[in-house]
C-alpha atoms as a PDB file:
ATOM      1  CA  MET A   1     154.097 131.443  91.936  1.00  0.00           C
ATOM      2  CA  ALA A   2     154.233 133.283  88.673  1.00  0.00           C
ATOM      3  CA  ASN A   3     153.667 132.134  85.161  1.00  0.00           C
ATOM      4  CA  HIS A   4     154.604 134.425  82.261  1.00  0.00           C
ATOM      5  CA  GLY A   5     154.810 137.326  84.636  1.00  0.00           C
ATOM      6  CA  ARG A   6     151.394 136.832  86.180  1.00  0.00           C
ATOM      7  CA  SER A   7     150.635 135.776  89.665  1.00  0.00           C
ATOM      8  CA  ALA A   8     148.768 132.499  89.975  1.00  0.00           C
ATOM      9  CA  GLN A   9     146.866 132.195  93.207  1.00  0.00           C
ATOM     10  CA  MET A  10     145.402 128.770  93.761  1.00  0.00           C
ATOM     11  CA  ASN A  11     142.320 128.192  95.812  1.00  0.00           C
ATOM     12  CA  GLN A  12     143.262 125.394  98.178  1.00  0.00           C
ATOM     13  CA  ASN A  13     139.771 123.848  97.981  1.00  0.00           C
ATOM     14  CA  PRO A  14     138.076 124.682  94.678  1.00  0.00           C
ATOM     15  CA  PHE A  15     134.951 122.771  95.747  1.00  0.00           C
ATOM     16  CA  SER A  16     134.482 124.509  99.092  1.00  0.00           C
ATOM     17  CA  LYS A  17     131.887 126.961  97.776  1.00  0.00           C
ATOM     18  CA  VAL A  18     129.992 124.214  95.999  1.00  0.00           C
ATOM     19  CA  HIS A  19     130.099 122.019  99.077  1.00  0.00           C
ATOM     20  CA  HIS A  20     128.913 124.743 101.439  1.00  0.00           C
ATOM     21  CA  ALA A  21     126.244 126.021  99.067  1.00  0.00           C
ATOM     22  CA  SER A  22     124.540 122.680  98.578  1.00  0.00           C
ATOM     23  CA  PRO A  23     121.218 122.322 100.396  1.00  0.00           C
ATOM     24  CA  PRO A  24     120.751 119.488 102.872  1.00  0.00           C
ATOM     25  CA  PRO A  25     119.209 116.300 101.488  1.00  0.00           C
ATOM     26  CA  PRO A  26     115.442 115.942 101.854  1.00  0.00           C
ATOM     27  CA  SER A  27     114.235 113.993 104.828  1.00  0.00           C
ATOM     28  CA  SER A  28     113.607 110.298 104.298  1.00  0.00           C
ATOM     29  CA  LYS A  29     110.421 110.519 106.347  1.00  0.00           C
ATOM     30  CA  TYR A  30     107.034 111.314 104.894  1.00  0.00           C
ATOM     31  CA  PRO A  31     105.381 114.494 106.115  1.00  0.00           C
ATOM     32  CA  LYS A  32     102.559 114.100 108.608  1.00  0.00           C
ATOM     33  CA  CYS A  33      99.158 113.650 107.015  1.00  0.00           C
ATOM     34  CA  LYS A  34      95.907 115.190 108.112  1.00  0.00           C
ATOM     35  CA  PRO A  35      93.668 112.787 110.058  1.00  0.00           C
ATOM     36  CA  PHE A  36      90.882 110.926 108.310  1.00  0.00           C
ATOM     37  CA  ARG A  37      87.511 112.572 108.564  1.00  0.00           C
ATOM     38  CA  VAL A  38      84.120 110.884 108.408  1.00  0.00           C
ATOM     39  CA  HIS A  39      83.773 111.977 104.774  1.00  0.00           C
ATOM     40  CA  THR A  40      86.998 110.102 103.907  1.00  0.00           C
ATOM     41  CA  LEU A  41      85.762 106.943 105.645  1.00  0.00           C
ATOM     42  CA  LEU A  42      82.483 107.122 103.756  1.00  0.00           C
ATOM     43  CA  CYS A  43      84.437 107.420 100.490  1.00  0.00           C
ATOM     44  CA  PHE A  44      86.352 104.242 101.421  1.00  0.00           C
ATOM     45  CA  GLN A  45      83.099 102.488 102.211  1.00  0.00           C
ATOM     46  CA  THR A  46      81.550 103.256  98.819  1.00  0.00           C
ATOM     47  CA  TYR A  47      84.414 101.437  97.062  1.00  0.00           C
ATOM     48  CA  MET A  48      84.565  98.449  99.411  1.00  0.00           C
ATOM     49  CA  ASP A  49      82.532  95.279  99.498  1.00  0.00           C
ATOM     50  CA  LEU A  50      81.764  94.824 103.183  1.00  0.00           C
ATOM     51  CA  ALA A  51      80.777  91.206 102.492  1.00  0.00           C
ATOM     52  CA  ASN A  52      84.381  90.589 101.383  1.00  0.00           C
ATOM     53  CA  PRO A  53      86.662  89.533 104.294  1.00  0.00           C
ATOM     54  CA  HIS A  54      89.638  91.548 102.990  1.00  0.00           C
ATOM     55  CA  ASP A  55      87.671  94.776 102.442  1.00  0.00           C
ATOM     56  CA  THR A  56      85.943  94.329 105.789  1.00  0.00           C
ATOM     57  CA  ALA A  57      89.269  94.023 107.657  1.00  0.00           C
ATOM     58  CA  ILE A  58      90.634  97.142 105.960  1.00  0.00           C
ATOM     59  CA  TYR A  59      87.476  99.144 106.658  1.00  0.00           C
ATOM     60  CA  ALA A  60      87.461  98.075 110.327  1.00  0.00           C
ATOM     61  CA  CYS A  61      91.101  99.207 110.648  1.00  0.00           C
ATOM     62  CA  TYR A  62      90.298 102.603 109.173  1.00  0.00           C
ATOM     63  CA  CYS A  63      87.182 103.082 111.312  1.00  0.00           C
ATOM     64  CA  ILE A  64      89.104 102.254 114.476  1.00  0.00           C
ATOM     65  CA  THR A  65      91.964 104.491 113.176  1.00  0.00           C
ATOM     66  CA  HIS A  66      94.954 102.689 114.624  1.00  0.00           C
ATOM     67  CA  LEU A  67      96.146 100.970 111.452  1.00  0.00           C
ATOM     68  CA  GLY A  68      99.761 100.316 112.356  1.00  0.00           C
ATOM     69  CA  GLU A  69      99.003  99.281 115.913  1.00  0.00           C
ATOM     70  CA  PHE A  70      96.350  96.709 114.994  1.00  0.00           C
ATOM     71  CA  THR A  71      97.983  95.082 111.983  1.00  0.00           C
ATOM     72  CA  VAL A  72     100.813  92.580 111.676  1.00  0.00           C
ATOM     73  CA  PRO A  73     103.482  93.427 109.050  1.00  0.00           C
ATOM     74  CA  VAL A  74     103.796  89.821 107.844  1.00  0.00           C
ATOM     75  CA  ILE A  75     101.471  86.976 108.831  1.00  0.00           C
ATOM     76  CA  THR A  76     104.394  84.680 109.621  1.00  0.00           C
ATOM     77  CA  LYS A  77     105.452  87.188 112.314  1.00  0.00           C
ATOM     78  CA  PHE A  78     102.114  87.040 114.171  1.00  0.00           C
ATOM     79  CA  ASP A  79     102.670  86.308 117.849  1.00  0.00           C
ATOM     80  CA  PRO A  80      99.617  86.210 120.142  1.00  0.00           C
ATOM     81  CA  SER A  81     101.813  87.287 123.055  1.00  0.00           C
ATOM     82  CA  SER A  82     102.646  90.598 121.343  1.00  0.00           C
ATOM     83  CA  HIS A  83      99.859  91.209 118.778  1.00  0.00           C
ATOM     84  CA  ILE A  84      96.195  91.966 119.391  1.00  0.00           C
ATOM     85  CA  THR A  85      93.730  89.063 119.284  1.00  0.00           C
ATOM     86  CA  HIS A  86      90.006  88.667 119.951  1.00  0.00           C
ATOM     87  CA  SER A  87      90.766  88.141 123.644  1.00  0.00           C
ATOM     88  CA  HIS A  88      92.165  91.698 123.822  1.00  0.00           C
ATOM     89  CA  ILE A  89      88.792  93.310 123.026  1.00  0.00           C
ATOM     90  CA  PHE A  90      86.592  94.287 125.962  1.00  0.00           C
ATOM     91  CA  CYS A  91      83.080  95.700 126.052  1.00  0.00           C
ATOM     92  CA  LEU A  92      82.826  98.139 128.966  1.00  0.00           C
ATOM     93  CA  HIS A  93      80.838 101.176 130.050  1.00  0.00           C
ATOM     94  CA  ASN A  94      82.180 104.680 130.544  1.00  0.00           C
ATOM     95  CA  PRO A  95      81.389 106.756 133.672  1.00  0.00           C
ATOM     96  CA  ASN A  96      78.104 107.836 132.039  1.00  0.00           C
ATOM     97  CA  SER A  97      77.114 104.160 131.589  1.00  0.00           C
ATOM     98  CA  LEU A  98      77.499 104.382 127.808  1.00  0.00           C
ATOM     99  CA  PRO A  99      79.007 101.319 126.089  1.00  0.00           C
ATOM    100  CA  ILE A 100      82.597 101.525 124.859  1.00  0.00           C
ATOM    101  CA  THR A 101      84.900  98.980 123.267  1.00  0.00           C
ATOM    102  CA  LYS A 102      88.414  98.816 124.694  1.00  0.00           C
ATOM    103  CA  PHE A 103      91.380  97.307 122.855  1.00  0.00           C
ATOM    104  CA  ARG A 104      94.467  96.160 124.741  1.00  0.00           C
ATOM    105  CA  LEU A 105      97.476  96.708 122.458  1.00  0.00           C
ATOM    106  CA  LEU A 106     100.288  94.610 123.884  1.00  0.00           C
ATOM    107  CA  SER A 107     103.103  96.628 122.337  1.00  0.00           C
ATOM    108  CA  THR A 108     103.440  99.730 120.171  1.00  0.00           C
ATOM    109  CA  LYS A 109     106.409 101.759 118.913  1.00  0.00           C
ATOM    110  CA  CYS A 110     105.715 104.459 121.492  1.00  0.00           C
ATOM    111  CA  SER A 111     104.539 102.126 124.279  1.00  0.00           C
ATOM    112  CA  PRO A 112     106.638  98.929 124.290  1.00  0.00           C
ATOM    113  CA  ASN A 113     104.744  97.734 127.380  1.00  0.00           C
ATOM    114  CA  GLY A 114     101.396  98.225 125.658  1.00  0.00           C
ATOM    115  CA  LYS A 115      98.502 100.612 125.930  1.00  0.00           C
ATOM    116  CA  ASP A 116      94.732 100.644 125.830  1.00  0.00           C
ATOM    117  CA  THR A 117      92.676 102.427 123.220  1.00  0.00           C
ATOM    118  CA  GLN A 118      88.926 102.616 122.949  1.00  0.00           C
ATOM    119  CA  CYS A 119      86.070 103.639 120.728  1.00  0.00           C
ATOM    120  CA  ALA A 120      82.304 103.929 120.966  1.00  0.00           C
ATOM    121  CA  SER A 121      79.426 103.399 118.602  1.00  0.00           C
ATOM    122  CA  LEU A 122      78.670 106.435 116.446  1.00  0.00           C
ATOM    123  CA  ASN A 123      75.290 105.403 115.019  1.00  0.00           C
ATOM    124  CA  CYS A 124      76.311 106.463 111.517  1.00  0.00           C
ATOM    125  CA  LEU A 125      77.730 104.868 108.365  1.00  0.00           C
ATOM    126  CA  SER A 126      81.302 105.061 109.690  1.00  0.00           C
ATOM    127  CA  ASP A 127      80.433 103.429 113.032  1.00  0.00           C
ATOM    128  CA  PRO A 128      83.645 101.707 114.242  1.00  0.00           C
ATOM    129  CA  ILE A 129      81.731  99.141 116.329  1.00  0.00           C
ATOM    130  CA  GLN A 130      79.542  98.110 113.399  1.00  0.00           C
ATOM    131  CA  ALA A 131      82.641  97.861 111.168  1.00  0.00           C
ATOM    132  CA  LEU A 132      84.459  95.807 113.826  1.00  0.00           C
ATOM    133  CA  ASN A 133      81.506  93.453 114.379  1.00  0.00           C
ATOM    134  CA  ASN A 134      81.169  92.901 110.627  1.00  0.00           C
ATOM    135  CA  HIS A 135      84.908  92.194 110.406  1.00  0.00           C
ATOM    136  CA  LEU A 136      84.834  89.737 113.331  1.00  0.00           C
ATOM    137  CA  ALA A 137      81.864  87.904 111.794  1.00  0.00           C
ATOM    138  CA  LEU A 138      83.713  87.428 108.488  1.00  0.00           C
ATOM    139  CA  ASN A 139      87.281  86.951 109.764  1.00  0.00           C
ATOM    140  CA  PRO A 140      87.584  84.551 112.704  1.00  0.00           C
ATOM    141  CA  PRO A 141      91.444  84.330 112.976  1.00  0.00           C
ATOM    142  CA  HIS A 142      93.578  86.914 114.777  1.00  0.00           C
ATOM    143  CA  LEU A 143      92.183  90.414 114.879  1.00  0.00           C
ATOM    144  CA  MET A 144      93.331  91.902 111.568  1.00  0.00           C
ATOM    145  CA  LEU A 145      93.701  88.757 109.473  1.00  0.00           C
ATOM    146  CA  THR A 146      91.429  88.177 106.513  1.00  0.00           C
ATOM    147  CA  SER A 147      90.199  84.897 105.166  1.00  0.00           C
ATOM    148  CA  SER A 148      89.143  84.033 101.658  1.00  0.00           C
ATOM    149  CA  PRO A 149      88.085  80.824  99.923  1.00  0.00           C
ATOM    150  CA  GLY A 150      91.345  78.989  99.152  1.00  0.00           C
ATOM    151  CA  ASN A 151      93.574  81.225 101.306  1.00  0.00           C
ATOM    152  CA  THR A 152      93.086  81.771 105.011  1.00  0.00           C
ATOM    153  CA  GLN A 153      96.405  83.553 105.505  1.00  0.00           C
ATOM    154  CA  ASN A 154      95.803  86.993 103.986  1.00  0.00           C
ATOM    155  CA  GLN A 155      96.797  89.934 106.132  1.00  0.00           C
ATOM    156  CA  ALA A 156      94.925  93.221 106.113  1.00  0.00           C
END
């Protein structure tokens, strides 16, 4: 096709270079984080009131380090047949006769049929057993539920 004596060549897809040059969208997932270290747990502890049921539940979760597996997303969705309760905590001994605490998780994203996880006393400020015992003393409902005066349905 010519216009005023000049050839007019049309690019069939004027946006093809723009389309192919655009970078892929960023992932919707968060990047993996480094694991908590004892120093991080001790920083949490300095800002928490371990006499407060809510703070105690949060600190116990962090010390045990399985936050998503121990908590319930919404309290109305708590089901004792699929979420951890006090009856799913066992005090055992390892092959060296040292005490360990075992938790039976009834279902996780990676293990729909459940799995066991365990921890042992560390005899330090970030001791998971001490944090758990403090939490259980202050929060008698299901494992990661907090209670407070006037509201016994707060979830950690």
